[in-house]
Amino acid sequence: MDKFKEKNPLSLRERQVLRMLAQGEYSQISHNLNISINTVKFHVKNIKHKIQARNTNHAIHIANRNEII
């Protein structure tokens, strides 16, 4: 998974969502970023796809290990 160290595949907003996801729930992220819960879910879906994560916890693990967030 070192492929993410040189080029970060996530947008700024996706990194914000992922960082907050490691600390809270979708509703908190939605409130803090002033976006809908559906938009949060959309970002999480894109994040998991881009970094090839099996689930949300795996995405957080990959992001921490590869210094994406």
N, C-alpha and C. Protein backbone atom coordinates (compact mmCIF):
# COMPACT_ATOMS: atom_id res chain seq x y z
N MET A 1 0.81 -1.21 0.00
CA MET A 1 0.00 0.00 0.00
C MET A 1 0.84 1.27 0.00
N ASP A 2 2.12 1.16 -0.21
CA ASP A 2 2.97 2.34 -0.26
C ASP A 2 2.70 3.21 -1.47
N LYS A 3 1.83 2.75 -2.34
CA LYS A 3 1.52 3.51 -3.55
C LYS A 3 0.86 4.84 -3.24
N PHE A 4 0.33 5.02 -2.04
CA PHE A 4 -0.34 6.26 -1.69
C PHE A 4 0.61 7.32 -1.14
N LYS A 5 1.82 6.94 -0.79
CA LYS A 5 2.74 7.90 -0.17
C LYS A 5 3.18 8.99 -1.14
N GLU A 6 3.40 8.63 -2.39
CA GLU A 6 3.87 9.62 -3.36
C GLU A 6 2.73 10.48 -3.90
N LYS A 7 1.59 9.87 -4.16
CA LYS A 7 0.47 10.61 -4.73
C LYS A 7 -0.77 10.30 -3.92
N ASN A 8 -1.33 11.30 -3.32
CA ASN A 8 -2.54 11.13 -2.53
C ASN A 8 -3.74 11.11 -3.47
N PRO A 9 -4.48 10.00 -3.50
CA PRO A 9 -5.61 9.89 -4.43
C PRO A 9 -6.87 10.62 -3.98
N LEU A 10 -6.87 11.13 -2.75
CA LEU A 10 -8.08 11.74 -2.21
C LEU A 10 -8.08 13.26 -2.35
N SER A 11 -9.27 13.79 -2.58
CA SER A 11 -9.43 15.24 -2.63
C SER A 11 -9.31 15.81 -1.22
N LEU A 12 -9.19 17.11 -1.14
CA LEU A 12 -9.12 17.78 0.15
C LEU A 12 -10.35 17.46 0.99
N ARG A 13 -11.54 17.53 0.40
CA ARG A 13 -12.78 17.26 1.12
C ARG A 13 -12.84 15.80 1.59
N GLU A 14 -12.39 14.89 0.74
CA GLU A 14 -12.38 13.48 1.13
C GLU A 14 -11.43 13.25 2.30
N ARG A 15 -10.29 13.92 2.30
CA ARG A 15 -9.37 13.80 3.44
C ARG A 15 -9.99 14.38 4.70
N GLN A 16 -10.72 15.48 4.58
CA GLN A 16 -11.40 16.05 5.74
C GLN A 16 -12.43 15.07 6.30
N VAL A 17 -13.22 14.49 5.42
CA VAL A 17 -14.24 13.53 5.84
C VAL A 17 -13.58 12.33 6.50
N LEU A 18 -12.54 11.80 5.92
CA LEU A 18 -11.86 10.63 6.46
C LEU A 18 -11.24 10.93 7.82
N ARG A 19 -10.64 12.09 7.97
CA ARG A 19 -10.05 12.50 9.24
C ARG A 19 -11.13 12.56 10.32
N MET A 20 -12.27 13.16 9.98
CA MET A 20 -13.36 13.28 10.95
C MET A 20 -14.02 11.93 11.21
N LEU A 21 -14.05 11.09 10.20
CA LEU A 21 -14.66 9.77 10.35
C LEU A 21 -13.91 8.95 11.40
N ALA A 22 -12.63 9.14 11.48
CA ALA A 22 -11.82 8.44 12.48
C ALA A 22 -12.18 8.89 13.89
N GLN A 23 -12.86 10.02 14.01
CA GLN A 23 -13.16 10.58 15.33
C GLN A 23 -14.65 10.63 15.66
N GLY A 24 -15.53 10.46 14.65
CA GLY A 24 -16.94 10.63 14.95
C GLY A 24 -17.86 9.92 13.99
N GLU A 25 -19.10 10.35 14.02
CA GLU A 25 -20.15 9.74 13.23
C GLU A 25 -20.52 10.61 12.03
N TYR A 26 -21.28 10.01 11.12
CA TYR A 26 -21.70 10.73 9.92
C TYR A 26 -22.44 12.03 10.28
N SER A 27 -23.29 11.98 11.29
CA SER A 27 -24.07 13.18 11.65
C SER A 27 -23.17 14.31 12.14
N GLN A 28 -22.12 13.97 12.88
CA GLN A 28 -21.17 14.99 13.34
C GLN A 28 -20.41 15.59 12.17
N ILE A 29 -19.99 14.73 11.24
CA ILE A 29 -19.27 15.20 10.05
C ILE A 29 -20.16 16.11 9.24
N SER A 30 -21.40 15.69 9.06
CA SER A 30 -22.37 16.48 8.31
C SER A 30 -22.54 17.87 8.92
N HIS A 31 -22.67 17.90 10.21
CA HIS A 31 -22.85 19.19 10.91
C HIS A 31 -21.59 20.04 10.83
N ASN A 32 -20.44 19.46 11.09
CA ASN A 32 -19.18 20.21 11.10
C ASN A 32 -18.79 20.76 9.74
N LEU A 33 -19.09 20.01 8.68
CA LEU A 33 -18.72 20.46 7.32
C LEU A 33 -19.88 21.14 6.59
N ASN A 34 -21.03 21.19 7.27
CA ASN A 34 -22.22 21.82 6.69
C ASN A 34 -22.61 21.17 5.36
N ILE A 35 -22.62 19.83 5.35
CA ILE A 35 -23.05 19.06 4.19
C ILE A 35 -24.06 18.03 4.67
N SER A 36 -24.84 17.47 3.75
CA SER A 36 -25.85 16.48 4.14
C SER A 36 -25.19 15.15 4.49
N ILE A 37 -25.93 14.33 5.21
CA ILE A 37 -25.44 13.00 5.55
C ILE A 37 -25.25 12.18 4.28
N ASN A 38 -26.12 12.38 3.29
CA ASN A 38 -25.96 11.66 2.02
C ASN A 38 -24.66 12.05 1.33
N THR A 39 -24.26 13.30 1.44
CA THR A 39 -22.99 13.74 0.86
C THR A 39 -21.82 13.10 1.60
N VAL A 40 -21.93 12.98 2.91
CA VAL A 40 -20.89 12.30 3.69
C VAL A 40 -20.78 10.85 3.22
N LYS A 41 -21.91 10.18 3.07
CA LYS A 41 -21.91 8.79 2.61
C LYS A 41 -21.30 8.67 1.22
N PHE A 42 -21.60 9.63 0.36
CA PHE A 42 -21.04 9.64 -1.00
C PHE A 42 -19.52 9.75 -0.94
N HIS A 43 -19.01 10.66 -0.09
CA HIS A 43 -17.57 10.82 0.06
C HIS A 43 -16.93 9.54 0.59
N VAL A 44 -17.56 8.92 1.58
CA VAL A 44 -17.01 7.69 2.17
C VAL A 44 -16.96 6.59 1.11
N LYS A 45 -18.00 6.49 0.30
CA LYS A 45 -18.01 5.49 -0.77
C LYS A 45 -16.86 5.73 -1.74
N ASN A 46 -16.63 6.99 -2.12
CA ASN A 46 -15.53 7.33 -3.03
C ASN A 46 -14.18 7.05 -2.39
N ILE A 47 -14.05 7.38 -1.13
CA ILE A 47 -12.80 7.13 -0.40
C ILE A 47 -12.47 5.65 -0.42
N LYS A 48 -13.45 4.82 -0.05
CA LYS A 48 -13.21 3.38 0.00
C LYS A 48 -12.81 2.84 -1.38
N HIS A 49 -13.45 3.34 -2.41
CA HIS A 49 -13.12 2.89 -3.76
C HIS A 49 -11.70 3.32 -4.15
N LYS A 50 -11.36 4.57 -3.90
CA LYS A 50 -10.06 5.11 -4.32
C LYS A 50 -8.88 4.44 -3.63
N ILE A 51 -9.05 4.09 -2.36
CA ILE A 51 -7.93 3.48 -1.64
C ILE A 51 -8.11 1.98 -1.46
N GLN A 52 -9.11 1.44 -2.14
CA GLN A 52 -9.36 -0.01 -2.18
C GLN A 52 -9.57 -0.59 -0.78
N ALA A 53 -10.40 0.07 -0.01
CA ALA A 53 -10.70 -0.38 1.35
C ALA A 53 -11.94 -1.27 1.35
N ARG A 54 -11.94 -2.27 2.20
CA ARG A 54 -13.08 -3.19 2.30
C ARG A 54 -14.26 -2.55 3.04
N ASN A 55 -13.94 -1.69 4.00
CA ASN A 55 -14.98 -1.03 4.79
C ASN A 55 -14.40 0.26 5.38
N THR A 56 -15.19 0.93 6.17
CA THR A 56 -14.77 2.22 6.72
C THR A 56 -13.57 2.08 7.65
N ASN A 57 -13.59 1.09 8.52
CA ASN A 57 -12.45 0.90 9.43
C ASN A 57 -11.18 0.59 8.65
N HIS A 58 -11.31 -0.18 7.60
CA HIS A 58 -10.15 -0.50 6.77
C HIS A 58 -9.63 0.78 6.10
N ALA A 59 -10.54 1.64 5.65
CA ALA A 59 -10.14 2.91 5.03
C ALA A 59 -9.35 3.78 6.01
N ILE A 60 -9.81 3.84 7.25
CA ILE A 60 -9.11 4.62 8.28
C ILE A 60 -7.73 4.02 8.54
N HIS A 61 -7.66 2.71 8.61
CA HIS A 61 -6.39 2.02 8.82
C HIS A 61 -5.41 2.31 7.67
N ILE A 62 -5.87 2.18 6.44
CA ILE A 62 -5.02 2.45 5.28
C ILE A 62 -4.54 3.90 5.30
N ALA A 63 -5.45 4.80 5.59
CA ALA A 63 -5.11 6.23 5.60
C ALA A 63 -4.07 6.55 6.67
N ASN A 64 -4.21 5.98 7.84
CA ASN A 64 -3.23 6.20 8.90
C ASN A 64 -1.88 5.59 8.56
N ARG A 65 -1.90 4.38 8.06
CA ARG A 65 -0.66 3.67 7.74
C ARG A 65 0.10 4.36 6.62
N ASN A 66 -0.62 4.94 5.68
CA ASN A 66 0.02 5.57 4.52
C ASN A 66 0.10 7.08 4.62
N GLU A 67 -0.17 7.60 5.82
CA GLU A 67 -0.07 9.04 6.09
C GLU A 67 -0.91 9.88 5.13
N ILE A 68 -2.10 9.37 4.79
CA ILE A 68 -3.02 10.13 3.94
C ILE A 68 -3.73 11.18 4.77
N ILE A 69 -3.98 10.85 6.04
CA ILE A 69 -4.63 11.82 6.93
C ILE A 69 -3.73 12.12 8.10
